[in-house]
Amino acid sequence: MSMTTGNAGGYSSDINVTPMIDILLVLLIIFMVIVPVTPKGLEALVPHSPDKATPPESTIVVQVLRHAGADPVYRINETDFAKAELLPKLTQIYANRAERVMFVKADDDVDFRYIAEVVDIGRNANVDHIGLMTPKIMVGQ
């Protein structure tokens, strides 16, 4: 600390920080109000437990299976369909459903564009949530 003597009526070169602290506190309160309290994460759907032998009737699983030919084989709950038949069938299935959830399952070596086409067909059939199923990973192998 320094102490000045003399010239009591002179100018002082000290900075008055009180207005800056007031502005800082106001900005802090504004930013605390603007920033959301809970962060919004990515919503993910988890398929039903694999312990069940057959999926329930309400679960729709579209499978994309590799085939010896150029195009893969498409299945809706173990029933084979051509790719052109997927959109009308899925539209019919989801016409009267309140819960519009579909899962897509594919072989490991199927090209991703076929999976993306099935997801696009599901969106065109008014499916709200589309989940991708992955193979069960065995620990210790």
C-alpha atoms as a PDB file:
ATOM      1  CA  MET A   1       0.000   0.000   0.000  1.00  0.00           C
ATOM      2  CA  SER A   2       1.176   3.438  -0.739  1.00  0.00           C
ATOM      3  CA  MET A   3       0.328   6.594   1.030  1.00  0.00           C
ATOM      4  CA  THR A   4       0.219   9.982  -0.572  1.00  0.00           C
ATOM      5  CA  THR A   5       0.821  13.196   1.232  1.00  0.00           C
ATOM      6  CA  GLY A   6       0.029  16.647   0.034  1.00  0.00           C
ATOM      7  CA  ASN A   7      -2.069  17.777  -2.911  1.00  0.00           C
ATOM      8  CA  ALA A   8      -5.303  16.468  -1.367  1.00  0.00           C
ATOM      9  CA  GLY A   9      -7.400  18.147  -4.050  1.00  0.00           C
ATOM     10  CA  GLY A  10      -5.412  16.827  -7.025  1.00  0.00           C
ATOM     11  CA  TYR A  11      -6.310  14.190  -9.568  1.00  0.00           C
ATOM     12  CA  SER A  12      -5.848  10.511  -8.797  1.00  0.00           C
ATOM     13  CA  SER A  13      -4.748   7.991 -11.405  1.00  0.00           C
ATOM     14  CA  ASP A  14      -6.287   4.982  -9.616  1.00  0.00           C
ATOM     15  CA  ILE A  15      -8.862   2.994 -11.604  1.00  0.00           C
ATOM     16  CA  ASN A  16     -12.346   2.769 -10.136  1.00  0.00           C
ATOM     17  CA  VAL A  17     -13.195  -0.947 -10.496  1.00  0.00           C
ATOM     18  CA  THR A  18     -16.640  -0.842  -8.866  1.00  0.00           C
ATOM     19  CA  PRO A  19     -18.588  -0.206 -12.140  1.00  0.00           C
ATOM     20  CA  MET A  20     -16.615  -2.946 -13.895  1.00  0.00           C
ATOM     21  CA  ILE A  21     -17.420  -5.449 -11.130  1.00  0.00           C
ATOM     22  CA  ASP A  22     -21.111  -4.492 -11.362  1.00  0.00           C
ATOM     23  CA  ILE A  23     -21.106  -5.103 -15.119  1.00  0.00           C
ATOM     24  CA  LEU A  24     -19.277  -8.411 -14.619  1.00  0.00           C
ATOM     25  CA  LEU A  25     -21.859  -9.629 -12.103  1.00  0.00           C
ATOM     26  CA  VAL A  26     -24.759  -8.642 -14.354  1.00  0.00           C
ATOM     27  CA  LEU A  27     -23.181 -10.493 -17.318  1.00  0.00           C
ATOM     28  CA  LEU A  28     -22.552 -13.529 -15.121  1.00  0.00           C
ATOM     29  CA  ILE A  29     -26.211 -13.669 -14.102  1.00  0.00           C
ATOM     30  CA  ILE A  30     -27.353 -13.259 -17.715  1.00  0.00           C
ATOM     31  CA  PHE A  31     -25.148 -16.107 -18.930  1.00  0.00           C
ATOM     32  CA  MET A  32     -26.261 -18.346 -16.061  1.00  0.00           C
ATOM     33  CA  VAL A  33     -29.892 -17.822 -17.061  1.00  0.00           C
ATOM     34  CA  ILE A  34     -29.291 -18.298 -20.789  1.00  0.00           C
ATOM     35  CA  VAL A  35     -27.291 -21.534 -20.530  1.00  0.00           C
ATOM     36  CA  PRO A  36     -29.638 -24.527 -20.151  1.00  0.00           C
ATOM     37  CA  VAL A  37     -29.467 -26.359 -16.866  1.00  0.00           C
ATOM     38  CA  THR A  38     -29.599 -29.879 -18.327  1.00  0.00           C
ATOM     39  CA  PRO A  39     -27.654 -30.610 -21.499  1.00  0.00           C
ATOM     40  CA  LYS A  40     -29.579 -32.275 -24.314  1.00  0.00           C
ATOM     41  CA  GLY A  41     -27.959 -35.545 -25.338  1.00  0.00           C
ATOM     42  CA  LEU A  42     -28.458 -37.908 -28.232  1.00  0.00           C
ATOM     43  CA  GLU A  43     -31.541 -40.076 -27.901  1.00  0.00           C
ATOM     44  CA  ALA A  44     -30.880 -43.743 -28.471  1.00  0.00           C
ATOM     45  CA  LEU A  45     -33.216 -46.702 -28.602  1.00  0.00           C
ATOM     46  CA  VAL A  46     -32.131 -50.022 -27.229  1.00  0.00           C
ATOM     47  CA  PRO A  47     -33.626 -53.198 -28.715  1.00  0.00           C
ATOM     48  CA  HIS A  48     -35.410 -55.682 -26.508  1.00  0.00           C
ATOM     49  CA  SER A  49     -33.494 -58.268 -24.536  1.00  0.00           C
ATOM     50  CA  PRO A  50     -31.873 -60.951 -26.730  1.00  0.00           C
ATOM     51  CA  ASP A  51     -32.889 -63.602 -24.173  1.00  0.00           C
ATOM     52  CA  LYS A  52     -36.326 -63.918 -25.781  1.00  0.00           C
ATOM     53  CA  ALA A  53     -36.485 -66.509 -28.547  1.00  0.00           C
ATOM     54  CA  THR A  54     -38.981 -64.614 -30.692  1.00  0.00           C
ATOM     55  CA  PRO A  55     -39.464 -60.865 -30.734  1.00  0.00           C
ATOM     56  CA  PRO A  56     -42.849 -59.585 -29.593  1.00  0.00           C
ATOM     57  CA  GLU A  57     -45.455 -58.913 -32.253  1.00  0.00           C
ATOM     58  CA  SER A  58     -45.070 -55.146 -31.890  1.00  0.00           C
ATOM     59  CA  THR A  59     -41.347 -55.173 -32.713  1.00  0.00           C
ATOM     60  CA  ILE A  60     -40.535 -54.789 -36.395  1.00  0.00           C
ATOM     61  CA  VAL A  61     -37.052 -55.871 -37.452  1.00  0.00           C
ATOM     62  CA  VAL A  62     -35.995 -55.297 -41.049  1.00  0.00           C
ATOM     63  CA  GLN A  63     -33.046 -57.517 -41.928  1.00  0.00           C
ATOM     64  CA  VAL A  64     -30.607 -56.878 -44.757  1.00  0.00           C
ATOM     65  CA  LEU A  65     -28.869 -60.173 -45.488  1.00  0.00           C
ATOM     66  CA  ARG A  66     -26.027 -60.777 -47.892  1.00  0.00           C
ATOM     67  CA  HIS A  67     -26.854 -62.808 -50.979  1.00  0.00           C
ATOM     68  CA  ALA A  68     -24.752 -64.467 -53.664  1.00  0.00           C
ATOM     69  CA  GLY A  69     -26.126 -61.998 -56.234  1.00  0.00           C
ATOM     70  CA  ALA A  70     -25.517 -58.270 -56.377  1.00  0.00           C
ATOM     71  CA  ASP A  71     -28.480 -57.154 -54.259  1.00  0.00           C
ATOM     72  CA  PRO A  72     -29.071 -58.336 -50.686  1.00  0.00           C
ATOM     73  CA  VAL A  73     -32.159 -60.133 -49.384  1.00  0.00           C
ATOM     74  CA  TYR A  74     -34.616 -58.070 -47.317  1.00  0.00           C
ATOM     75  CA  ARG A  75     -36.754 -59.522 -44.524  1.00  0.00           C
ATOM     76  CA  ILE A  76     -39.412 -58.083 -42.265  1.00  0.00           C
ATOM     77  CA  ASN A  77     -39.661 -60.300 -39.160  1.00  0.00           C
ATOM     78  CA  GLU A  78     -38.397 -63.426 -40.974  1.00  0.00           C
ATOM     79  CA  THR A  79     -40.586 -62.903 -44.084  1.00  0.00           C
ATOM     80  CA  ASP A  80     -38.721 -62.259 -47.337  1.00  0.00           C
ATOM     81  CA  PHE A  81     -39.621 -59.180 -49.381  1.00  0.00           C
ATOM     82  CA  ALA A  82     -38.254 -57.526 -52.491  1.00  0.00           C
ATOM     83  CA  LYS A  83     -36.847 -54.022 -52.020  1.00  0.00           C
ATOM     84  CA  ALA A  84     -39.739 -52.538 -54.015  1.00  0.00           C
ATOM     85  CA  GLU A  85     -42.238 -54.190 -51.626  1.00  0.00           C
ATOM     86  CA  LEU A  86     -40.689 -52.773 -48.450  1.00  0.00           C
ATOM     87  CA  LEU A  87     -42.274 -49.304 -48.575  1.00  0.00           C
ATOM     88  CA  PRO A  88     -45.879 -50.481 -49.171  1.00  0.00           C
ATOM     89  CA  LYS A  89     -45.568 -53.215 -46.522  1.00  0.00           C
ATOM     90  CA  LEU A  90     -44.032 -50.923 -43.894  1.00  0.00           C
ATOM     91  CA  THR A  91     -46.642 -48.246 -44.649  1.00  0.00           C
ATOM     92  CA  GLN A  92     -49.358 -50.859 -44.129  1.00  0.00           C
ATOM     93  CA  ILE A  93     -47.777 -52.108 -40.884  1.00  0.00           C
ATOM     94  CA  TYR A  94     -47.416 -48.638 -39.369  1.00  0.00           C
ATOM     95  CA  ALA A  95     -50.739 -47.237 -40.610  1.00  0.00           C
ATOM     96  CA  ASN A  96     -52.622 -47.912 -37.355  1.00  0.00           C
ATOM     97  CA  ARG A  97     -49.788 -48.094 -34.835  1.00  0.00           C
ATOM     98  CA  ALA A  98     -49.275 -45.607 -32.054  1.00  0.00           C
ATOM     99  CA  GLU A  99     -45.712 -46.792 -31.428  1.00  0.00           C
ATOM    100  CA  ARG A 100     -43.731 -46.392 -34.644  1.00  0.00           C
ATOM    101  CA  VAL A 101     -40.405 -48.065 -33.849  1.00  0.00           C
ATOM    102  CA  MET A 102     -38.389 -50.125 -36.319  1.00  0.00           C
ATOM    103  CA  PHE A 103     -35.035 -51.874 -35.986  1.00  0.00           C
ATOM    104  CA  VAL A 104     -32.619 -52.549 -38.848  1.00  0.00           C
ATOM    105  CA  LYS A 105     -30.308 -55.553 -38.654  1.00  0.00           C
ATOM    106  CA  ALA A 106     -27.720 -56.414 -41.305  1.00  0.00           C
ATOM    107  CA  ASP A 107     -24.937 -58.861 -41.991  1.00  0.00           C
ATOM    108  CA  ASP A 108     -21.382 -57.689 -41.342  1.00  0.00           C
ATOM    109  CA  ASP A 109     -20.299 -57.597 -44.978  1.00  0.00           C
ATOM    110  CA  VAL A 110     -23.365 -55.829 -46.427  1.00  0.00           C
ATOM    111  CA  ASP A 111     -22.560 -52.472 -48.009  1.00  0.00           C
ATOM    112  CA  PHE A 112     -23.801 -49.579 -45.863  1.00  0.00           C
ATOM    113  CA  ARG A 113     -25.737 -48.000 -48.735  1.00  0.00           C
ATOM    114  CA  TYR A 114     -28.290 -50.836 -48.530  1.00  0.00           C
ATOM    115  CA  ILE A 115     -28.771 -50.150 -44.822  1.00  0.00           C
ATOM    116  CA  ALA A 116     -29.142 -46.430 -45.519  1.00  0.00           C
ATOM    117  CA  GLU A 117     -31.779 -47.217 -48.161  1.00  0.00           C
ATOM    118  CA  VAL A 118     -33.762 -49.259 -45.606  1.00  0.00           C
ATOM    119  CA  VAL A 119     -33.561 -46.379 -43.110  1.00  0.00           C
ATOM    120  CA  ASP A 120     -34.780 -44.004 -45.843  1.00  0.00           C
ATOM    121  CA  ILE A 121     -37.646 -46.378 -46.707  1.00  0.00           C
ATOM    122  CA  GLY A 122     -38.581 -46.479 -43.009  1.00  0.00           C
ATOM    123  CA  ARG A 123     -38.654 -42.675 -42.849  1.00  0.00           C
ATOM    124  CA  ASN A 124     -40.878 -42.589 -45.953  1.00  0.00           C
ATOM    125  CA  ALA A 125     -43.213 -45.101 -44.231  1.00  0.00           C
ATOM    126  CA  ASN A 126     -43.658 -42.582 -41.348  1.00  0.00           C
ATOM    127  CA  VAL A 127     -41.584 -44.511 -38.805  1.00  0.00           C
ATOM    128  CA  ASP A 128     -40.714 -42.204 -35.898  1.00  0.00           C
ATOM    129  CA  HIS A 129     -37.747 -44.060 -34.374  1.00  0.00           C
ATOM    130  CA  ILE A 130     -35.327 -46.278 -36.291  1.00  0.00           C
ATOM    131  CA  GLY A 131     -32.709 -48.242 -34.361  1.00  0.00           C
ATOM    132  CA  LEU A 132     -29.722 -50.170 -35.670  1.00  0.00           C
ATOM    133  CA  MET A 133     -29.133 -53.606 -34.156  1.00  0.00           C
ATOM    134  CA  THR A 134     -25.599 -54.853 -33.713  1.00  0.00           C
ATOM    135  CA  PRO A 135     -24.438 -58.400 -33.058  1.00  0.00           C
ATOM    136  CA  LYS A 136     -23.974 -59.425 -29.454  1.00  0.00           C
ATOM    137  CA  ILE A 137     -20.336 -58.999 -28.455  1.00  0.00           C
ATOM    138  CA  MET A 138     -18.985 -61.935 -26.468  1.00  0.00           C
ATOM    139  CA  VAL A 139     -16.538 -60.886 -23.756  1.00  0.00           C
ATOM    140  CA  GLY A 140     -13.388 -62.969 -23.485  1.00  0.00           C
ATOM    141  CA  GLN A 141     -13.120 -64.126 -27.095  1.00  0.00           C
END
